[in-house]
Amino acid sequence: MVNQEEIKKKMTLQEEVREKLIKRVERERQTYIAKRIGVPRQLISDFKLGKKQLREQTLLALNEYLDSDPLN
């Protein structure tokens, strides 16, 4: 069973990655980001808007991509 601390930690990570994504889409299209990490554009859009959470593997791939740019 997942405890409250683990849930809180996962929610915090989701929010941190969402904030990075919001900043990144100011200069890079969501479609491009989605293609780079291999997910549908709509998933990136829904995540950015807070409509969906990402699975751990997708969240980590997105976070890695967002952190890979030195202009980030």
PDB file of N, CA and C in Angstrom:
ATOM      1  N   MET A   1       0.840  -1.186   0.000  1.00  0.00           N
ATOM      2  CA  MET A   1       0.000   0.000   0.000  1.00  0.00           C
ATOM      3  C   MET A   1       0.886   1.251   0.000  1.00  0.00           C
ATOM      4  N   VAL A   2       0.466   2.252  -0.753  1.00  0.00           N
ATOM      5  CA  VAL A   2       1.228   3.492  -0.871  1.00  0.00           C
ATOM      6  C   VAL A   2       0.887   4.408   0.301  1.00  0.00           C
ATOM      7  N   ASN A   3       1.916   4.933   0.965  1.00  0.00           N
ATOM      8  CA  ASN A   3       1.639   5.811   2.099  1.00  0.00           C
ATOM      9  C   ASN A   3       1.488   7.264   1.634  1.00  0.00           C
ATOM     10  N   GLN A   4       1.043   8.103   2.522  1.00  0.00           N
ATOM     11  CA  GLN A   4       0.763   9.503   2.205  1.00  0.00           C
ATOM     12  C   GLN A   4       2.018  10.270   1.783  1.00  0.00           C
ATOM     13  N   GLU A   5       3.157   9.954   2.360  1.00  0.00           N
ATOM     14  CA  GLU A   5       4.409  10.631   1.996  1.00  0.00           C
ATOM     15  C   GLU A   5       4.777  10.356   0.545  1.00  0.00           C
ATOM     16  N   GLU A   6       4.612   9.106   0.115  1.00  0.00           N
ATOM     17  CA  GLU A   6       4.924   8.752  -1.275  1.00  0.00           C
ATOM     18  C   GLU A   6       3.988   9.478  -2.239  1.00  0.00           C
ATOM     19  N   ILE A   7       2.729   9.547  -1.901  1.00  0.00           N
ATOM     20  CA  ILE A   7       1.753  10.242  -2.738  1.00  0.00           C
ATOM     21  C   ILE A   7       2.106  11.722  -2.836  1.00  0.00           C
ATOM     22  N   LYS A   8       2.437  12.328  -1.718  1.00  0.00           N
ATOM     23  CA  LYS A   8       2.796  13.748  -1.692  1.00  0.00           C
ATOM     24  C   LYS A   8       4.045  14.004  -2.527  1.00  0.00           C
ATOM     25  N   LYS A   9       5.038  13.129  -2.423  1.00  0.00           N
ATOM     26  CA  LYS A   9       6.275  13.265  -3.182  1.00  0.00           C
ATOM     27  C   LYS A   9       6.002  13.184  -4.685  1.00  0.00           C
ATOM     28  N   LYS A  10       5.166  12.236  -5.098  1.00  0.00           N
ATOM     29  CA  LYS A  10       4.828  12.081  -6.509  1.00  0.00           C
ATOM     30  C   LYS A  10       4.061  13.293  -7.029  1.00  0.00           C
ATOM     31  N   MET A  11       3.167  13.835  -6.224  1.00  0.00           N
ATOM     32  CA  MET A  11       2.396  15.010  -6.630  1.00  0.00           C
ATOM     33  C   MET A  11       3.319  16.216  -6.778  1.00  0.00           C
ATOM     34  N   THR A  12       4.280  16.350  -5.882  1.00  0.00           N
ATOM     35  CA  THR A  12       5.231  17.457  -5.956  1.00  0.00           C
ATOM     36  C   THR A  12       6.059  17.359  -7.229  1.00  0.00           C
ATOM     37  N   LEU A  13       6.512  16.164  -7.569  1.00  0.00           N
ATOM     38  CA  LEU A  13       7.290  15.971  -8.785  1.00  0.00           C
ATOM     39  C   LEU A  13       6.447  16.314 -10.015  1.00  0.00           C
ATOM     40  N   GLN A  14       5.194  15.898 -10.034  1.00  0.00           N
ATOM     41  CA  GLN A  14       4.297  16.226 -11.151  1.00  0.00           C
ATOM     42  C   GLN A  14       4.210  17.745 -11.319  1.00  0.00           C
ATOM     43  N   GLU A  15       4.043  18.459 -10.225  1.00  0.00           N
ATOM     44  CA  GLU A  15       3.913  19.915 -10.286  1.00  0.00           C
ATOM     45  C   GLU A  15       5.206  20.582 -10.746  1.00  0.00           C
ATOM     46  N   GLU A  16       6.335  20.082 -10.281  1.00  0.00           N
ATOM     47  CA  GLU A  16       7.624  20.652 -10.687  1.00  0.00           C
ATOM     48  C   GLU A  16       7.840  20.487 -12.185  1.00  0.00           C
ATOM     49  N   VAL A  17       7.543  19.312 -12.704  1.00  0.00           N
ATOM     50  CA  VAL A  17       7.721  19.060 -14.131  1.00  0.00           C
ATOM     51  C   VAL A  17       6.717  19.890 -14.929  1.00  0.00           C
ATOM     52  N   ARG A  18       5.491  20.021 -14.424  1.00  0.00           N
ATOM     53  CA  ARG A  18       4.477  20.847 -15.101  1.00  0.00           C
ATOM     54  C   ARG A  18       4.968  22.294 -15.224  1.00  0.00           C
ATOM     55  N   GLU A  19       5.553  22.830 -14.169  1.00  0.00           N
ATOM     56  CA  GLU A  19       6.069  24.206 -14.205  1.00  0.00           C
ATOM     57  C   GLU A  19       7.198  24.346 -15.226  1.00  0.00           C
ATOM     58  N   LYS A  20       8.095  23.359 -15.289  1.00  0.00           N
ATOM     59  CA  LYS A  20       9.161  23.393 -16.288  1.00  0.00           C
ATOM     60  C   LYS A  20       8.584  23.370 -17.696  1.00  0.00           C
ATOM     61  N   LEU A  21       7.556  22.536 -17.894  1.00  0.00           N
ATOM     62  CA  LEU A  21       6.929  22.424 -19.207  1.00  0.00           C
ATOM     63  C   LEU A  21       6.281  23.736 -19.613  1.00  0.00           C
ATOM     64  N   ILE A  22       5.581  24.376 -18.702  1.00  0.00           N
ATOM     65  CA  ILE A  22       4.926  25.652 -18.999  1.00  0.00           C
ATOM     66  C   ILE A  22       5.956  26.681 -19.454  1.00  0.00           C
ATOM     67  N   LYS A  23       7.092  26.720 -18.805  1.00  0.00           N
ATOM     68  CA  LYS A  23       8.152  27.649 -19.215  1.00  0.00           C
ATOM     69  C   LYS A  23       8.701  27.284 -20.584  1.00  0.00           C
ATOM     70  N   ARG A  24       8.883  25.987 -20.830  1.00  0.00           N
ATOM     71  CA  ARG A  24       9.484  25.539 -22.085  1.00  0.00           C
ATOM     72  C   ARG A  24       8.588  25.815 -23.284  1.00  0.00           C
ATOM     73  N   VAL A  25       7.275  25.673 -23.122  1.00  0.00           N
ATOM     74  CA  VAL A  25       6.393  25.860 -24.281  1.00  0.00           C
ATOM     75  C   VAL A  25       6.285  27.324 -24.698  1.00  0.00           C
ATOM     76  N   GLU A  26       6.905  28.206 -23.948  1.00  0.00           N
ATOM     77  CA  GLU A  26       6.979  29.599 -24.379  1.00  0.00           C
ATOM     78  C   GLU A  26       7.892  29.735 -25.595  1.00  0.00           C
ATOM     79  N   ARG A  27       8.810  28.777 -25.766  1.00  0.00           N
ATOM     80  CA  ARG A  27       9.750  28.869 -26.888  1.00  0.00           C
ATOM     81  C   ARG A  27       9.818  27.602 -27.739  1.00  0.00           C
ATOM     82  N   GLU A  28       9.093  26.567 -27.362  1.00  0.00           N
ATOM     83  CA  GLU A  28       9.142  25.296 -28.074  1.00  0.00           C
ATOM     84  C   GLU A  28       7.740  24.694 -28.128  1.00  0.00           C
ATOM     85  N   ARG A  29       7.340  24.183 -29.276  1.00  0.00           N
ATOM     86  CA  ARG A  29       5.994  23.641 -29.440  1.00  0.00           C
ATOM     87  C   ARG A  29       5.795  22.339 -28.668  1.00  0.00           C
ATOM     88  N   GLN A  30       4.572  22.183 -28.157  1.00  0.00           N
ATOM     89  CA  GLN A  30       4.213  20.954 -27.449  1.00  0.00           C
ATOM     90  C   GLN A  30       4.347  19.747 -28.367  1.00  0.00           C
ATOM     91  N   THR A  31       4.017  19.924 -29.643  1.00  0.00           N
ATOM     92  CA  THR A  31       4.112  18.830 -30.601  1.00  0.00           C
ATOM     93  C   THR A  31       5.547  18.325 -30.693  1.00  0.00           C
ATOM     94  N   TYR A  32       6.498  19.242 -30.727  1.00  0.00           N
ATOM     95  CA  TYR A  32       7.916  18.874 -30.810  1.00  0.00           C
ATOM     96  C   TYR A  32       8.344  18.122 -29.551  1.00  0.00           C
ATOM     97  N   ILE A  33       7.954  18.625 -28.409  1.00  0.00           N
ATOM     98  CA  ILE A  33       8.307  17.983 -27.140  1.00  0.00           C
ATOM     99  C   ILE A  33       7.732  16.573 -27.092  1.00  0.00           C
ATOM    100  N   ALA A  34       6.469  16.438 -27.479  1.00  0.00           N
ATOM    101  CA  ALA A  34       5.807  15.130 -27.473  1.00  0.00           C
ATOM    102  C   ALA A  34       6.540  14.144 -28.382  1.00  0.00           C
ATOM    103  N   LYS A  35       6.920  14.587 -29.572  1.00  0.00           N
ATOM    104  CA  LYS A  35       7.651  13.707 -30.492  1.00  0.00           C
ATOM    105  C   LYS A  35       8.993  13.293 -29.904  1.00  0.00           C
ATOM    106  N   ARG A  36       9.666  14.220 -29.261  1.00  0.00           N
ATOM    107  CA  ARG A  36      10.992  13.927 -28.696  1.00  0.00           C
ATOM    108  C   ARG A  36      10.934  12.854 -27.612  1.00  0.00           C
ATOM    109  N   ILE A  37       9.843  12.823 -26.834  1.00  0.00           N
ATOM    110  CA  ILE A  37       9.768  11.815 -25.766  1.00  0.00           C
ATOM    111  C   ILE A  37       8.843  10.648 -26.126  1.00  0.00           C
ATOM    112  N   GLY A  38       8.222  10.704 -27.315  1.00  0.00           N
ATOM    113  CA  GLY A  38       7.439   9.577 -27.811  1.00  0.00           C
ATOM    114  C   GLY A  38       6.056   9.415 -27.219  1.00  0.00           C
ATOM    115  N   VAL A  39       5.373  10.531 -27.011  1.00  0.00           N
ATOM    116  CA  VAL A  39       3.996  10.472 -26.503  1.00  0.00           C
ATOM    117  C   VAL A  39       3.096  11.345 -27.382  1.00  0.00           C
ATOM    118  N   PRO A  40       1.776  11.138 -27.305  1.00  0.00           N
ATOM    119  CA  PRO A  40       0.866  11.982 -28.077  1.00  0.00           C
ATOM    120  C   PRO A  40       0.900  13.441 -27.601  1.00  0.00           C
ATOM    121  N   ARG A  41       0.755  14.367 -28.535  1.00  0.00           N
ATOM    122  CA  ARG A  41       0.735  15.793 -28.200  1.00  0.00           C
ATOM    123  C   ARG A  41      -0.370  16.111 -27.211  1.00  0.00           C
ATOM    124  N   GLN A  42      -1.514  15.451 -27.359  1.00  0.00           N
ATOM    125  CA  GLN A  42      -2.645  15.721 -26.473  1.00  0.00           C
ATOM    126  C   GLN A  42      -2.312  15.399 -25.017  1.00  0.00           C
ATOM    127  N   LEU A  43      -1.504  14.375 -24.800  1.00  0.00           N
ATOM    128  CA  LEU A  43      -1.102  14.034 -23.439  1.00  0.00           C
ATOM    129  C   LEU A  43      -0.285  15.169 -22.822  1.00  0.00           C
ATOM    130  N   ILE A  44       0.630  15.733 -23.602  1.00  0.00           N
ATOM    131  CA  ILE A  44       1.433  16.863 -23.116  1.00  0.00           C
ATOM    132  C   ILE A  44       0.529  18.054 -22.822  1.00  0.00           C
ATOM    133  N   SER A  45      -0.418  18.307 -23.706  1.00  0.00           N
ATOM    134  CA  SER A  45      -1.348  19.419 -23.514  1.00  0.00           C
ATOM    135  C   SER A  45      -2.186  19.226 -22.250  1.00  0.00           C
ATOM    136  N   ASP A  46      -2.743  18.033 -22.087  1.00  0.00           N
ATOM    137  CA  ASP A  46      -3.572  17.757 -20.907  1.00  0.00           C
ATOM    138  C   ASP A  46      -2.758  17.842 -19.619  1.00  0.00           C
ATOM    139  N   PHE A  47      -1.524  17.369 -19.658  1.00  0.00           N
ATOM    140  CA  PHE A  47      -0.653  17.454 -18.484  1.00  0.00           C
ATOM    141  C   PHE A  47      -0.363  18.910 -18.144  1.00  0.00           C
ATOM    142  N   LYS A  48      -0.031  19.690 -19.163  1.00  0.00           N
ATOM    143  CA  LYS A  48       0.283  21.112 -18.955  1.00  0.00           C
ATOM    144  C   LYS A  48      -0.893  21.847 -18.313  1.00  0.00           C
ATOM    145  N   LEU A  49      -2.097  21.492 -18.733  1.00  0.00           N
ATOM    146  CA  LEU A  49      -3.303  22.146 -18.220  1.00  0.00           C
ATOM    147  C   LEU A  49      -3.765  21.570 -16.880  1.00  0.00           C
ATOM    148  N   GLY A  50      -3.087  20.546 -16.384  1.00  0.00           N
ATOM    149  CA  GLY A  50      -3.453  19.941 -15.107  1.00  0.00           C
ATOM    150  C   GLY A  50      -4.620  18.979 -15.200  1.00  0.00           C
ATOM    151  N   LYS A  51      -4.982  18.574 -16.411  1.00  0.00           N
ATOM    152  CA  LYS A  51      -6.099  17.650 -16.605  1.00  0.00           C
ATOM    153  C   LYS A  51      -5.692  16.200 -16.369  1.00  0.00           C
ATOM    154  N   LYS A  52      -4.411  15.902 -16.565  1.00  0.00           N
ATOM    155  CA  LYS A  52      -3.919  14.539 -16.399  1.00  0.00           C
ATOM    156  C   LYS A  52      -2.586  14.554 -15.677  1.00  0.00           C
ATOM    157  N   GLN A  53      -2.314  13.439 -15.033  1.00  0.00           N
ATOM    158  CA  GLN A  53      -0.989  13.206 -14.475  1.00  0.00           C
ATOM    159  C   GLN A  53      -0.296  12.203 -15.377  1.00  0.00           C
ATOM    160  N   LEU A  54       1.009  12.238 -15.389  1.00  0.00           N
ATOM    161  CA  LEU A  54       1.775  11.325 -16.217  1.00  0.00           C
ATOM    162  C   LEU A  54       2.198  10.105 -15.428  1.00  0.00           C
ATOM    163  N   ARG A  55       2.291   8.990 -16.133  1.00  0.00           N
ATOM    164  CA  ARG A  55       2.858   7.797 -15.515  1.00  0.00           C
ATOM    165  C   ARG A  55       4.323   8.079 -15.220  1.00  0.00           C
ATOM    166  N   GLU A  56       4.864   7.341 -14.286  1.00  0.00           N
ATOM    167  CA  GLU A  56       6.219   7.600 -13.824  1.00  0.00           C
ATOM    168  C   GLU A  56       7.245   7.591 -14.953  1.00  0.00           C
ATOM    169  N   GLN A  57       7.177   6.615 -15.845  1.00  0.00           N
ATOM    170  CA  GLN A  57       8.143   6.516 -16.937  1.00  0.00           C
ATOM    171  C   GLN A  57       8.057   7.742 -17.856  1.00  0.00           C
ATOM    172  N   THR A  58       6.849   8.171 -18.182  1.00  0.00           N
ATOM    173  CA  THR A  58       6.659   9.340 -19.043  1.00  0.00           C
ATOM    174  C   THR A  58       7.100  10.606 -18.328  1.00  0.00           C
ATOM    175  N   LEU A  59       6.764  10.713 -17.059  1.00  0.00           N
ATOM    176  CA  LEU A  59       7.150  11.877 -16.265  1.00  0.00           C
ATOM    177  C   LEU A  59       8.670  12.012 -16.203  1.00  0.00           C
ATOM    178  N   LEU A  60       9.354  10.902 -15.984  1.00  0.00           N
ATOM    179  CA  LEU A  60      10.806  10.930 -15.917  1.00  0.00           C
ATOM    180  C   LEU A  60      11.419  11.280 -17.272  1.00  0.00           C
ATOM    181  N   ALA A  61      10.841  10.754 -18.358  1.00  0.00           N
ATOM    182  CA  ALA A  61      11.349  11.073 -19.701  1.00  0.00           C
ATOM    183  C   ALA A  61      11.158  12.558 -19.999  1.00  0.00           C
ATOM    184  N   LEU A  62      10.009  13.093 -19.645  1.00  0.00           N
ATOM    185  CA  LEU A  62       9.744  14.515 -19.873  1.00  0.00           C
ATOM    186  C   LEU A  62      10.678  15.368 -19.029  1.00  0.00           C
ATOM    187  N   ASN A  63      10.841  15.017 -17.781  1.00  0.00           N
ATOM    188  CA  ASN A  63      11.724  15.767 -16.897  1.00  0.00           C
ATOM    189  C   ASN A  63      13.162  15.756 -17.418  1.00  0.00           C
ATOM    190  N   GLU A  64      13.613  14.595 -17.863  1.00  0.00           N
ATOM    191  CA  GLU A  64      14.969  14.487 -18.413  1.00  0.00           C
ATOM    192  C   GLU A  64      15.110  15.367 -19.652  1.00  0.00           C
ATOM    193  N   TYR A  65      14.105  15.346 -20.518  1.00  0.00           N
ATOM    194  CA  TYR A  65      14.156  16.177 -21.720  1.00  0.00           C
ATOM    195  C   TYR A  65      14.197  17.663 -21.351  1.00  0.00           C
ATOM    196  N   LEU A  66      13.349  18.073 -20.428  1.00  0.00           N
ATOM    197  CA  LEU A  66      13.286  19.474 -20.032  1.00  0.00           C
ATOM    198  C   LEU A  66      14.586  19.930 -19.370  1.00  0.00           C
ATOM    199  N   ASP A  67      15.225  19.039 -18.635  1.00  0.00           N
ATOM    200  CA  ASP A  67      16.485  19.372 -17.977  1.00  0.00           C
ATOM    201  C   ASP A  67      17.683  19.331 -18.928  1.00  0.00           C
ATOM    202  N   SER A  68      17.527  18.727 -20.098  1.00  0.00           N
ATOM    203  CA  SER A  68      18.649  18.551 -21.012  1.00  0.00           C
ATOM    204  C   SER A  68      19.048  19.824 -21.729  1.00  0.00           C
ATOM    205  N   ASP A  69      18.182  20.809 -21.774  1.00  0.00           N
ATOM    206  CA  ASP A  69      18.459  22.056 -22.496  1.00  0.00           C
ATOM    207  C   ASP A  69      19.181  23.043 -21.598  1.00  0.00           C
ATOM    208  N   PRO A  70      20.344  23.518 -22.003  1.00  0.00           N
ATOM    209  CA  PRO A  70      21.074  24.475 -21.165  1.00  0.00           C
ATOM    210  C   PRO A  70      20.366  25.822 -21.044  1.00  0.00           C
ATOM    211  N   LEU A  71      19.422  26.103 -21.920  1.00  0.00           N
ATOM    212  CA  LEU A  71      18.680  27.365 -21.846  1.00  0.00           C
ATOM    213  C   LEU A  71      17.483  27.268 -20.918  1.00  0.00           C
ATOM    214  N   ASN A  72      17.280  26.125 -20.318  1.00  0.00           N
ATOM    215  CA  ASN A  72      16.111  25.852 -19.485  1.00  0.00           C
ATOM    216  C   ASN A  72      16.028  26.759 -18.283  1.00  0.00           C
TER     217      ASN A  72
END
